[in-house]
Amino acid sequence: MTEQITSNHCQKNGFKMPLPNKGGEPEFKLKVEPADMIIIKYKMKSESHVPLNITNPTKDRVCYKVKCTDNEIFRVRPPLGFVKPGETASVTITLKPKSGIDPNRHFFAIYHVACVDKTDPKKIWNANTKPDGVIRMQVQLECDEKEKNEEKDKKDEKKEEKKDEKKDEKKDEKKDEKKDEKKEDEENKEEKKE
């Protein structure tokens, strides 16, 4: 399932995007599409794929790196790469949905650094690499309404089952108490007879 990422959604829902940089982080100099927020529409039992385009308007060749908040549910391909001046790199973001996922907690961070040599991008991005630019893009996850309702119904069913179990347990406890009381009464009666 491939969905287009839209920026109108953010304006319509009042989101301020992209997320602000941390203190001391350089401003992002590349262009990304979408420009403000990544919206992924998904169904619980299937992966969703979303395109992310990174365009280099600078005069330098750059190396980019895309990171996500949760590697268990997101996959980025390719996570590292080069973009020549005036060209665009296409990245695919894949969501592997799981139950209980928070639809507003996640974001993607995109870093870039100028590089002239054609080395392996993994060698460029190490612990000492200072990026030339950073952007963090909020992710909005939108579950298919039908599936969302089905999942809610399942949760409600489980709650009802638990309530019923508790009621049954209480009934059993009361029965046991009555049995114990009856047994005590019988024992008391026998003691009085003796």
C-alpha atoms as a PDB file:
ATOM      1  CA  MET A   1       0.000   0.000   0.000  1.00  0.00           C
ATOM      2  CA  THR A   2       1.602   3.295  -1.077  1.00  0.00           C
ATOM      3  CA  GLU A   3       0.272   6.600   0.234  1.00  0.00           C
ATOM      4  CA  GLN A   4       1.177  10.134  -0.748  1.00  0.00           C
ATOM      5  CA  ILE A   5       2.429  12.380   2.024  1.00  0.00           C
ATOM      6  CA  THR A   6       0.599  15.712   2.162  1.00  0.00           C
ATOM      7  CA  SER A   7       1.359  19.084   3.690  1.00  0.00           C
ATOM      8  CA  ASN A   8      -2.252  20.319   3.595  1.00  0.00           C
ATOM      9  CA  HIS A   9      -3.100  17.874   6.390  1.00  0.00           C
ATOM     10  CA  CYS A  10      -0.749  19.720   8.757  1.00  0.00           C
ATOM     11  CA  GLN A  11      -2.221  23.128   8.019  1.00  0.00           C
ATOM     12  CA  LYS A  12      -5.754  21.754   8.329  1.00  0.00           C
ATOM     13  CA  ASN A  13      -5.007  20.162  11.721  1.00  0.00           C
ATOM     14  CA  GLY A  14      -2.879  23.003  13.097  1.00  0.00           C
ATOM     15  CA  PHE A  15       0.451  21.167  13.273  1.00  0.00           C
ATOM     16  CA  LYS A  16       3.590  23.296  13.209  1.00  0.00           C
ATOM     17  CA  MET A  17       6.103  21.402  11.112  1.00  0.00           C
ATOM     18  CA  PRO A  18       8.866  20.438  10.826  1.00  0.00           C
ATOM     19  CA  LEU A  19       9.877  19.947  14.445  1.00  0.00           C
ATOM     20  CA  PRO A  20      12.333  22.557  15.781  1.00  0.00           C
ATOM     21  CA  ASN A  21      16.043  21.764  15.866  1.00  0.00           C
ATOM     22  CA  LYS A  22      17.896  21.277  19.129  1.00  0.00           C
ATOM     23  CA  GLY A  23      20.166  24.078  20.293  1.00  0.00           C
ATOM     24  CA  GLY A  24      23.327  24.378  18.204  1.00  0.00           C
ATOM     25  CA  GLU A  25      22.078  22.179  15.359  1.00  0.00           C
ATOM     26  CA  PRO A  26      22.601  23.639  11.893  1.00  0.00           C
ATOM     27  CA  GLU A  27      19.648  24.558   9.676  1.00  0.00           C
ATOM     28  CA  PHE A  28      18.643  22.002   7.039  1.00  0.00           C
ATOM     29  CA  LYS A  29      19.805  23.180   3.600  1.00  0.00           C
ATOM     30  CA  LEU A  30      18.260  20.480   1.412  1.00  0.00           C
ATOM     31  CA  LYS A  31      14.644  20.261   0.274  1.00  0.00           C
ATOM     32  CA  VAL A  32      12.406  17.382   1.266  1.00  0.00           C
ATOM     33  CA  GLU A  33       9.039  16.363  -0.097  1.00  0.00           C
ATOM     34  CA  PRO A  34       6.856  16.398   1.902  1.00  0.00           C
ATOM     35  CA  ALA A  35       8.108  19.612   3.424  1.00  0.00           C
ATOM     36  CA  ASP A  36       6.400  19.446   6.791  1.00  0.00           C
ATOM     37  CA  MET A  37       4.986  16.113   8.012  1.00  0.00           C
ATOM     38  CA  ILE A  38       5.010  12.454   7.020  1.00  0.00           C
ATOM     39  CA  ILE A  39       1.533  10.928   6.989  1.00  0.00           C
ATOM     40  CA  ILE A  40       1.287   7.159   6.757  1.00  0.00           C
ATOM     41  CA  LYS A  41      -2.101   5.537   6.228  1.00  0.00           C
ATOM     42  CA  TYR A  42      -2.008   1.853   7.084  1.00  0.00           C
ATOM     43  CA  LYS A  43      -3.869  -1.373   7.692  1.00  0.00           C
ATOM     44  CA  MET A  44      -2.864  -3.523  10.665  1.00  0.00           C
ATOM     45  CA  LYS A  45      -1.986  -6.655   8.738  1.00  0.00           C
ATOM     46  CA  SER A  46       0.026  -5.109   5.895  1.00  0.00           C
ATOM     47  CA  GLU A  47       3.077  -2.927   5.444  1.00  0.00           C
ATOM     48  CA  SER A  48       2.631   0.618   4.151  1.00  0.00           C
ATOM     49  CA  HIS A  49       5.203   2.358   1.970  1.00  0.00           C
ATOM     50  CA  VAL A  50       5.645   6.120   1.692  1.00  0.00           C
ATOM     51  CA  PRO A  51       8.020   8.026  -0.607  1.00  0.00           C
ATOM     52  CA  LEU A  52      10.363  10.695   0.745  1.00  0.00           C
ATOM     53  CA  ASN A  53      12.317  12.786  -1.762  1.00  0.00           C
ATOM     54  CA  ILE A  54      15.503  14.625  -0.798  1.00  0.00           C
ATOM     55  CA  THR A  55      16.612  17.319  -3.268  1.00  0.00           C
ATOM     56  CA  ASN A  56      20.016  18.999  -3.174  1.00  0.00           C
ATOM     57  CA  PRO A  57      19.745  22.706  -4.167  1.00  0.00           C
ATOM     58  CA  THR A  58      23.338  23.416  -3.036  1.00  0.00           C
ATOM     59  CA  LYS A  59      26.482  23.471  -5.179  1.00  0.00           C
ATOM     60  CA  ASP A  60      28.065  20.644  -3.191  1.00  0.00           C
ATOM     61  CA  ARG A  61      27.605  16.906  -3.358  1.00  0.00           C
ATOM     62  CA  VAL A  62      26.053  15.813  -0.062  1.00  0.00           C
ATOM     63  CA  CYS A  63      25.663  12.629   1.915  1.00  0.00           C
ATOM     64  CA  TYR A  64      22.380  12.191   3.764  1.00  0.00           C
ATOM     65  CA  LYS A  65      21.327   9.980   6.653  1.00  0.00           C
ATOM     66  CA  VAL A  66      17.707   9.222   7.665  1.00  0.00           C
ATOM     67  CA  LYS A  67      16.974   7.964  11.197  1.00  0.00           C
ATOM     68  CA  CYS A  68      13.683   6.943  12.785  1.00  0.00           C
ATOM     69  CA  THR A  69      12.353   6.709  16.343  1.00  0.00           C
ATOM     70  CA  ASP A  70      11.587   2.968  16.247  1.00  0.00           C
ATOM     71  CA  ASN A  71      13.426   0.418  14.098  1.00  0.00           C
ATOM     72  CA  GLU A  72      10.889  -2.282  14.990  1.00  0.00           C
ATOM     73  CA  ILE A  73       8.049  -0.562  13.165  1.00  0.00           C
ATOM     74  CA  PHE A  74       9.863   1.599  10.586  1.00  0.00           C
ATOM     75  CA  ARG A  75      12.324   0.705   7.858  1.00  0.00           C
ATOM     76  CA  VAL A  76      14.100   3.302   5.701  1.00  0.00           C
ATOM     77  CA  ARG A  77      15.566   2.304   2.325  1.00  0.00           C
ATOM     78  CA  PRO A  78      18.167   3.523   1.637  1.00  0.00           C
ATOM     79  CA  PRO A  79      18.962   5.079   5.030  1.00  0.00           C
ATOM     80  CA  LEU A  80      22.218   6.604   3.714  1.00  0.00           C
ATOM     81  CA  GLY A  81      23.136   7.968   0.319  1.00  0.00           C
ATOM     82  CA  PHE A  82      24.585  10.701  -1.843  1.00  0.00           C
ATOM     83  CA  VAL A  83      22.813  13.503  -3.704  1.00  0.00           C
ATOM     84  CA  LYS A  84      24.607  15.480  -6.404  1.00  0.00           C
ATOM     85  CA  PRO A  85      23.894  19.215  -6.813  1.00  0.00           C
ATOM     86  CA  GLY A  86      20.480  19.787  -8.397  1.00  0.00           C
ATOM     87  CA  GLU A  87      19.468  16.122  -8.122  1.00  0.00           C
ATOM     88  CA  THR A  88      16.918  14.247  -6.005  1.00  0.00           C
ATOM     89  CA  ALA A  89      17.289  11.037  -4.027  1.00  0.00           C
ATOM     90  CA  SER A  90      14.233   8.871  -3.424  1.00  0.00           C
ATOM     91  CA  VAL A  91      13.869   7.159  -0.064  1.00  0.00           C
ATOM     92  CA  THR A  92      11.116   4.715   0.883  1.00  0.00           C
ATOM     93  CA  ILE A  93       9.729   4.648   4.399  1.00  0.00           C
ATOM     94  CA  THR A  94       8.017   1.403   5.352  1.00  0.00           C
ATOM     95  CA  LEU A  95       5.703   0.985   8.322  1.00  0.00           C
ATOM     96  CA  LYS A  96       5.347  -2.480   9.850  1.00  0.00           C
ATOM     97  CA  PRO A  97       2.328  -1.824  12.083  1.00  0.00           C
ATOM     98  CA  LYS A  98       1.754  -3.443  15.435  1.00  0.00           C
ATOM     99  CA  SER A  99      -1.037  -3.195  17.965  1.00  0.00           C
ATOM    100  CA  GLY A 100      -0.972  -0.292  20.416  1.00  0.00           C
ATOM    101  CA  ILE A 101       1.208   1.965  18.272  1.00  0.00           C
ATOM    102  CA  ASP A 102       1.092   5.653  19.277  1.00  0.00           C
ATOM    103  CA  PRO A 103       0.025   7.587  16.147  1.00  0.00           C
ATOM    104  CA  ASN A 104       1.688  10.887  17.138  1.00  0.00           C
ATOM    105  CA  ARG A 105       4.906   9.934  18.958  1.00  0.00           C
ATOM    106  CA  HIS A 106       7.237   9.201  16.058  1.00  0.00           C
ATOM    107  CA  PHE A 107       9.457  11.305  13.833  1.00  0.00           C
ATOM    108  CA  PHE A 108      12.265  10.978  11.295  1.00  0.00           C
ATOM    109  CA  ALA A 109      15.523  12.906  11.529  1.00  0.00           C
ATOM    110  CA  ILE A 110      17.358  13.707   8.296  1.00  0.00           C
ATOM    111  CA  TYR A 111      20.992  14.798   8.424  1.00  0.00           C
ATOM    112  CA  HIS A 112      23.292  15.940   5.631  1.00  0.00           C
ATOM    113  CA  VAL A 113      26.957  16.743   5.239  1.00  0.00           C
ATOM    114  CA  ALA A 114      28.956  17.965   2.227  1.00  0.00           C
ATOM    115  CA  CYS A 115      31.355  15.383   0.810  1.00  0.00           C
ATOM    116  CA  VAL A 116      33.562  15.359  -2.263  1.00  0.00           C
ATOM    117  CA  ASP A 117      34.985  11.861  -2.323  1.00  0.00           C
ATOM    118  CA  LYS A 118      32.966   8.863  -3.444  1.00  0.00           C
ATOM    119  CA  THR A 119      33.506   6.863  -0.299  1.00  0.00           C
ATOM    120  CA  ASP A 120      31.051   4.521   1.396  1.00  0.00           C
ATOM    121  CA  PRO A 121      28.360   6.613   3.173  1.00  0.00           C
ATOM    122  CA  LYS A 122      28.735   4.392   6.262  1.00  0.00           C
ATOM    123  CA  LYS A 123      32.319   5.635   6.620  1.00  0.00           C
ATOM    124  CA  ILE A 124      31.166   9.259   6.495  1.00  0.00           C
ATOM    125  CA  TRP A 125      28.593   8.889   9.282  1.00  0.00           C
ATOM    126  CA  ASN A 126      30.457   8.030  12.462  1.00  0.00           C
ATOM    127  CA  ALA A 127      30.227   9.282  16.044  1.00  0.00           C
ATOM    128  CA  ASN A 128      32.429  12.311  15.252  1.00  0.00           C
ATOM    129  CA  THR A 129      30.558  13.491  12.140  1.00  0.00           C
ATOM    130  CA  LYS A 130      29.063  16.961  12.544  1.00  0.00           C
ATOM    131  CA  PRO A 131      26.145  17.418  10.131  1.00  0.00           C
ATOM    132  CA  ASP A 132      25.814  20.535   7.975  1.00  0.00           C
ATOM    133  CA  GLY A 133      22.051  20.423   8.441  1.00  0.00           C
ATOM    134  CA  VAL A 134      19.322  18.638  10.412  1.00  0.00           C
ATOM    135  CA  ILE A 135      15.547  18.399  10.100  1.00  0.00           C
ATOM    136  CA  ARG A 136      13.074  16.385  12.180  1.00  0.00           C
ATOM    137  CA  MET A 137       9.797  15.495  10.573  1.00  0.00           C
ATOM    138  CA  GLN A 138       6.780  14.433  12.625  1.00  0.00           C
ATOM    139  CA  VAL A 139       4.994  11.239  11.576  1.00  0.00           C
ATOM    140  CA  GLN A 140       1.209  11.012  11.685  1.00  0.00           C
ATOM    141  CA  LEU A 141       0.002   7.395  11.589  1.00  0.00           C
ATOM    142  CA  GLU A 142      -3.567   6.905  10.399  1.00  0.00           C
ATOM    143  CA  CYS A 143      -5.074   3.454  10.824  1.00  0.00           C
ATOM    144  CA  ASP A 144      -7.816   2.335   8.443  1.00  0.00           C
ATOM    145  CA  GLU A 145     -11.090   3.314  10.197  1.00  0.00           C
ATOM    146  CA  LYS A 146     -12.691  -0.107   9.748  1.00  0.00           C
ATOM    147  CA  GLU A 147      -9.689  -1.828  11.337  1.00  0.00           C
ATOM    148  CA  LYS A 148      -9.498   0.815  14.048  1.00  0.00           C
ATOM    149  CA  ASN A 149     -13.124   0.112  14.983  1.00  0.00           C
ATOM    150  CA  GLU A 150     -12.539  -3.653  14.888  1.00  0.00           C
ATOM    151  CA  GLU A 151      -9.532  -3.276  17.189  1.00  0.00           C
ATOM    152  CA  LYS A 152     -11.589  -1.109  19.571  1.00  0.00           C
ATOM    153  CA  ASP A 153     -14.369  -3.709  19.541  1.00  0.00           C
ATOM    154  CA  LYS A 154     -11.839  -6.439  20.398  1.00  0.00           C
ATOM    155  CA  LYS A 155     -10.511  -4.373  23.304  1.00  0.00           C
ATOM    156  CA  ASP A 156     -14.050  -3.736  24.534  1.00  0.00           C
ATOM    157  CA  GLU A 157     -14.815  -7.462  24.269  1.00  0.00           C
ATOM    158  CA  LYS A 158     -11.738  -8.294  26.337  1.00  0.00           C
ATOM    159  CA  LYS A 159     -12.783  -5.765  28.980  1.00  0.00           C
ATOM    160  CA  GLU A 160     -16.245  -7.315  29.134  1.00  0.00           C
ATOM    161  CA  GLU A 161     -14.731 -10.800  29.402  1.00  0.00           C
ATOM    162  CA  LYS A 162     -12.545  -9.643  32.289  1.00  0.00           C
ATOM    163  CA  LYS A 163     -15.556  -8.107  34.023  1.00  0.00           C
ATOM    164  CA  ASP A 164     -17.492 -11.344  33.554  1.00  0.00           C
ATOM    165  CA  GLU A 165     -14.545 -13.349  34.898  1.00  0.00           C
ATOM    166  CA  LYS A 166     -14.386 -11.119  37.969  1.00  0.00           C
ATOM    167  CA  LYS A 167     -18.126 -11.506  38.510  1.00  0.00           C
ATOM    168  CA  ASP A 168     -17.774 -15.283  38.213  1.00  0.00           C
ATOM    169  CA  GLU A 169     -14.864 -15.246  40.659  1.00  0.00           C
ATOM    170  CA  LYS A 170     -16.929 -13.238  43.148  1.00  0.00           C
ATOM    171  CA  LYS A 171     -19.842 -15.642  42.750  1.00  0.00           C
ATOM    172  CA  ASP A 172     -17.506 -18.583  43.336  1.00  0.00           C
ATOM    173  CA  GLU A 173     -16.053 -16.862  46.394  1.00  0.00           C
ATOM    174  CA  LYS A 174     -19.546 -16.276  47.794  1.00  0.00           C
ATOM    175  CA  LYS A 175     -20.474 -19.905  47.143  1.00  0.00           C
ATOM    176  CA  ASP A 176     -17.314 -21.025  48.918  1.00  0.00           C
ATOM    177  CA  GLU A 177     -18.085 -18.702  51.827  1.00  0.00           C
ATOM    178  CA  LYS A 178     -21.624 -20.079  52.077  1.00  0.00           C
ATOM    179  CA  LYS A 179     -20.273 -23.648  51.971  1.00  0.00           C
ATOM    180  CA  ASP A 180     -17.804 -22.793  54.718  1.00  0.00           C
ATOM    181  CA  GLU A 181     -20.553 -21.164  56.798  1.00  0.00           C
ATOM    182  CA  LYS A 182     -22.826 -24.153  56.259  1.00  0.00           C
ATOM    183  CA  LYS A 183     -20.026 -26.512  57.246  1.00  0.00           C
ATOM    184  CA  GLU A 184     -19.336 -24.442  60.366  1.00  0.00           C
ATOM    185  CA  ASP A 185     -23.022 -24.440  61.262  1.00  0.00           C
ATOM    186  CA  GLU A 186     -23.158 -28.219  60.885  1.00  0.00           C
ATOM    187  CA  GLU A 187     -20.031 -28.625  63.006  1.00  0.00           C
ATOM    188  CA  ASN A 188     -21.507 -26.323  65.645  1.00  0.00           C
ATOM    189  CA  LYS A 189     -24.746 -28.316  65.643  1.00  0.00           C
ATOM    190  CA  GLU A 190     -22.807 -31.570  66.096  1.00  0.00           C
ATOM    191  CA  GLU A 191     -20.798 -30.065  68.928  1.00  0.00           C
ATOM    192  CA  LYS A 192     -24.000 -28.978  70.672  1.00  0.00           C
ATOM    193  CA  LYS A 193     -25.422 -32.505  70.330  1.00  0.00           C
ATOM    194  CA  GLU A 194     -22.388 -33.976  72.029  1.00  0.00           C
END
